[in-house]
Amino acid sequence: MEIPTDGTRDEILKIRKDAKIIIEKPRGKGAAIRTGFEKRTGDLIIMMDADGSHDRRKFQGFLSPVLAWI
């Protein structure tokens, strides 16, 4: 399997050192989303791109009401 070289893995590991990295085939964002949903192990899924278009610091604000409800 081909290891991504776009920095995705590095960005994920900056946030979660214990992240489970899954390399899927076929390649592509749609396949990655489908694989992520199929292989999830938790109750919540957060999707973000590694290109920096999402500010990870904002997720706590989004998640606080959800986590308070659970």
N, C-alpha and C. Protein backbone atom coordinates (compact mmCIF):
# COMPACT_ATOMS: atom_id res chain seq x y z
N MET A 1 0.83 -1.19 0.00
CA MET A 1 0.00 0.00 0.00
C MET A 1 0.87 1.25 0.00
N GLU A 2 0.40 2.24 -0.65
CA GLU A 2 1.12 3.49 -0.78
C GLU A 2 0.87 4.37 0.45
N ILE A 3 1.93 4.88 1.03
CA ILE A 3 1.83 5.78 2.18
C ILE A 3 1.63 7.20 1.67
N PRO A 4 0.64 7.93 2.20
CA PRO A 4 0.41 9.30 1.71
C PRO A 4 1.61 10.20 1.99
N THR A 5 1.87 11.12 1.08
CA THR A 5 2.99 12.04 1.23
C THR A 5 2.52 13.49 1.32
N ASP A 6 1.22 13.71 1.51
CA ASP A 6 0.67 15.07 1.52
C ASP A 6 0.68 15.71 2.90
N GLY A 7 1.24 15.05 3.90
CA GLY A 7 1.31 15.61 5.24
C GLY A 7 0.15 15.23 6.14
N THR A 8 -0.80 14.48 5.60
CA THR A 8 -1.98 14.10 6.39
C THR A 8 -1.59 13.36 7.66
N ARG A 9 -0.77 12.35 7.52
CA ARG A 9 -0.36 11.54 8.69
C ARG A 9 0.30 12.41 9.75
N ASP A 10 1.21 13.29 9.35
CA ASP A 10 1.90 14.16 10.30
C ASP A 10 0.93 15.08 11.03
N GLU A 11 -0.04 15.63 10.30
CA GLU A 11 -1.02 16.53 10.93
C GLU A 11 -1.87 15.79 11.94
N ILE A 12 -2.29 14.58 11.61
CA ILE A 12 -3.09 13.78 12.54
C ILE A 12 -2.30 13.48 13.80
N LEU A 13 -1.06 13.07 13.63
CA LEU A 13 -0.24 12.68 14.78
C LEU A 13 0.15 13.87 15.65
N LYS A 14 0.09 15.09 15.13
CA LYS A 14 0.30 16.27 15.97
C LYS A 14 -0.82 16.41 16.99
N ILE A 15 -2.00 16.01 16.59
CA ILE A 15 -3.19 16.16 17.43
C ILE A 15 -3.36 14.94 18.34
N ARG A 16 -3.21 13.75 17.77
CA ARG A 16 -3.41 12.51 18.53
C ARG A 16 -2.27 11.55 18.25
N LYS A 17 -1.37 11.42 19.20
CA LYS A 17 -0.23 10.51 19.03
C LYS A 17 -0.70 9.06 18.92
N ASP A 18 -1.89 8.76 19.47
CA ASP A 18 -2.40 7.39 19.47
C ASP A 18 -3.40 7.13 18.34
N ALA A 19 -3.46 8.04 17.35
CA ALA A 19 -4.41 7.89 16.25
C ALA A 19 -4.14 6.61 15.47
N LYS A 20 -5.21 5.97 15.05
CA LYS A 20 -5.11 4.79 14.21
C LYS A 20 -5.17 5.25 12.76
N ILE A 21 -4.09 5.07 12.03
CA ILE A 21 -4.00 5.49 10.63
C ILE A 21 -4.36 4.30 9.75
N ILE A 22 -5.35 4.48 8.88
CA ILE A 22 -5.80 3.42 7.98
C ILE A 22 -5.52 3.86 6.56
N ILE A 23 -4.77 3.04 5.82
CA ILE A 23 -4.51 3.30 4.41
C ILE A 23 -5.48 2.43 3.62
N GLU A 24 -6.36 3.08 2.84
CA GLU A 24 -7.40 2.33 2.14
C GLU A 24 -7.16 2.32 0.64
N LYS A 25 -7.77 1.39 0.00
CA LYS A 25 -7.84 1.33 -1.46
C LYS A 25 -9.31 1.13 -1.78
N PRO A 26 -9.87 1.74 -2.75
CA PRO A 26 -9.25 2.68 -3.66
C PRO A 26 -8.96 3.99 -2.97
N ARG A 27 -8.13 4.80 -3.60
CA ARG A 27 -7.75 6.09 -3.05
C ARG A 27 -8.84 7.12 -3.32
N GLY A 28 -8.79 8.20 -2.59
CA GLY A 28 -9.71 9.30 -2.82
C GLY A 28 -10.45 9.67 -1.55
N LYS A 29 -10.94 10.89 -1.53
CA LYS A 29 -11.61 11.40 -0.33
C LYS A 29 -12.88 10.61 -0.02
N GLY A 30 -13.66 10.28 -1.04
CA GLY A 30 -14.88 9.50 -0.81
C GLY A 30 -14.58 8.15 -0.19
N ALA A 31 -13.57 7.47 -0.71
CA ALA A 31 -13.17 6.17 -0.16
C ALA A 31 -12.66 6.33 1.26
N ALA A 32 -11.93 7.40 1.52
CA ALA A 32 -11.40 7.63 2.87
C ALA A 32 -12.54 7.86 3.86
N ILE A 33 -13.52 8.65 3.47
CA ILE A 33 -14.67 8.90 4.36
C ILE A 33 -15.43 7.60 4.63
N ARG A 34 -15.71 6.85 3.59
CA ARG A 34 -16.43 5.58 3.75
C ARG A 34 -15.65 4.63 4.66
N THR A 35 -14.35 4.50 4.43
CA THR A 35 -13.53 3.62 5.25
C THR A 35 -13.51 4.09 6.70
N GLY A 36 -13.39 5.40 6.91
CA GLY A 36 -13.39 5.94 8.26
C GLY A 36 -14.65 5.61 9.02
N PHE A 37 -15.79 5.74 8.37
CA PHE A 37 -17.06 5.41 9.01
C PHE A 37 -17.16 3.91 9.29
N GLU A 38 -16.71 3.09 8.36
CA GLU A 38 -16.77 1.64 8.54
C GLU A 38 -15.84 1.16 9.66
N LYS A 39 -14.68 1.80 9.82
CA LYS A 39 -13.67 1.33 10.77
C LYS A 39 -13.70 2.08 12.10
N ARG A 40 -14.66 2.96 12.29
CA ARG A 40 -14.72 3.74 13.52
C ARG A 40 -14.79 2.82 14.74
N THR A 41 -14.28 3.32 15.84
CA THR A 41 -14.33 2.56 17.09
C THR A 41 -14.99 3.36 18.20
N GLY A 42 -15.28 4.61 17.97
CA GLY A 42 -15.87 5.46 19.00
C GLY A 42 -17.29 5.87 18.64
N ASP A 43 -17.86 6.71 19.47
CA ASP A 43 -19.22 7.17 19.28
C ASP A 43 -19.31 8.44 18.44
N LEU A 44 -18.23 9.19 18.36
CA LEU A 44 -18.22 10.45 17.62
C LEU A 44 -17.18 10.37 16.50
N ILE A 45 -17.49 11.01 15.39
CA ILE A 45 -16.56 11.09 14.28
C ILE A 45 -16.33 12.56 13.97
N ILE A 46 -15.07 12.95 13.90
CA ILE A 46 -14.70 14.30 13.49
C ILE A 46 -13.94 14.16 12.18
N MET A 47 -14.39 14.86 11.17
CA MET A 47 -13.73 14.82 9.87
C MET A 47 -13.09 16.18 9.63
N MET A 48 -11.83 16.16 9.20
CA MET A 48 -11.15 17.39 8.85
C MET A 48 -10.07 17.09 7.82
N ASP A 49 -9.75 18.10 7.03
CA ASP A 49 -8.71 17.95 6.03
C ASP A 49 -7.37 18.35 6.65
N ALA A 50 -6.32 17.75 6.16
CA ALA A 50 -4.97 18.03 6.68
C ALA A 50 -4.36 19.27 6.06
N ASP A 51 -5.08 19.95 5.18
CA ASP A 51 -4.51 21.10 4.50
C ASP A 51 -4.60 22.38 5.33
N GLY A 52 -5.07 22.27 6.56
CA GLY A 52 -5.13 23.43 7.43
C GLY A 52 -6.38 24.27 7.26
N SER A 53 -7.34 23.81 6.46
CA SER A 53 -8.56 24.59 6.24
C SER A 53 -9.52 24.50 7.43
N HIS A 54 -9.26 23.60 8.35
CA HIS A 54 -10.05 23.49 9.58
C HIS A 54 -9.18 23.89 10.77
N ASP A 55 -9.73 24.68 11.66
CA ASP A 55 -9.01 25.08 12.86
C ASP A 55 -9.39 24.12 13.98
N ARG A 56 -8.49 23.23 14.31
CA ARG A 56 -8.80 22.19 15.30
C ARG A 56 -9.13 22.77 16.67
N ARG A 57 -8.72 24.00 16.94
CA ARG A 57 -9.02 24.62 18.24
C ARG A 57 -10.51 24.92 18.39
N LYS A 58 -11.23 24.97 17.29
CA LYS A 58 -12.66 25.26 17.35
C LYS A 58 -13.50 24.02 17.67
N PHE A 59 -12.94 22.85 17.54
CA PHE A 59 -13.72 21.64 17.74
C PHE A 59 -14.26 21.51 19.16
N GLN A 60 -13.49 21.94 20.15
CA GLN A 60 -13.97 21.84 21.53
C GLN A 60 -15.27 22.61 21.71
N GLY A 61 -15.36 23.78 21.11
CA GLY A 61 -16.59 24.56 21.19
C GLY A 61 -17.77 23.87 20.54
N PHE A 62 -17.50 23.19 19.43
CA PHE A 62 -18.56 22.44 18.75
C PHE A 62 -18.97 21.21 19.53
N LEU A 63 -17.99 20.57 20.16
CA LEU A 63 -18.24 19.30 20.83
C LEU A 63 -18.79 19.44 22.25
N SER A 64 -18.51 20.54 22.91
CA SER A 64 -18.94 20.69 24.31
C SER A 64 -20.44 20.42 24.51
N PRO A 65 -21.33 21.01 23.71
CA PRO A 65 -22.76 20.70 23.91
C PRO A 65 -23.10 19.24 23.65
N VAL A 66 -22.45 18.64 22.69
CA VAL A 66 -22.72 17.22 22.38
C VAL A 66 -22.25 16.35 23.54
N LEU A 67 -21.05 16.60 24.03
CA LEU A 67 -20.49 15.80 25.11
C LEU A 67 -21.29 15.99 26.41
N ALA A 68 -21.82 17.18 26.63
CA ALA A 68 -22.65 17.42 27.82
C ALA A 68 -23.96 16.64 27.76
N TRP A 69 -24.43 16.42 26.55
CA TRP A 69 -25.70 15.73 26.34
C TRP A 69 -25.58 14.22 26.48
N ILE A 70 -24.38 13.70 26.14
CA ILE A 70 -24.19 12.24 26.13
C ILE A 70 -24.12 11.70 27.53
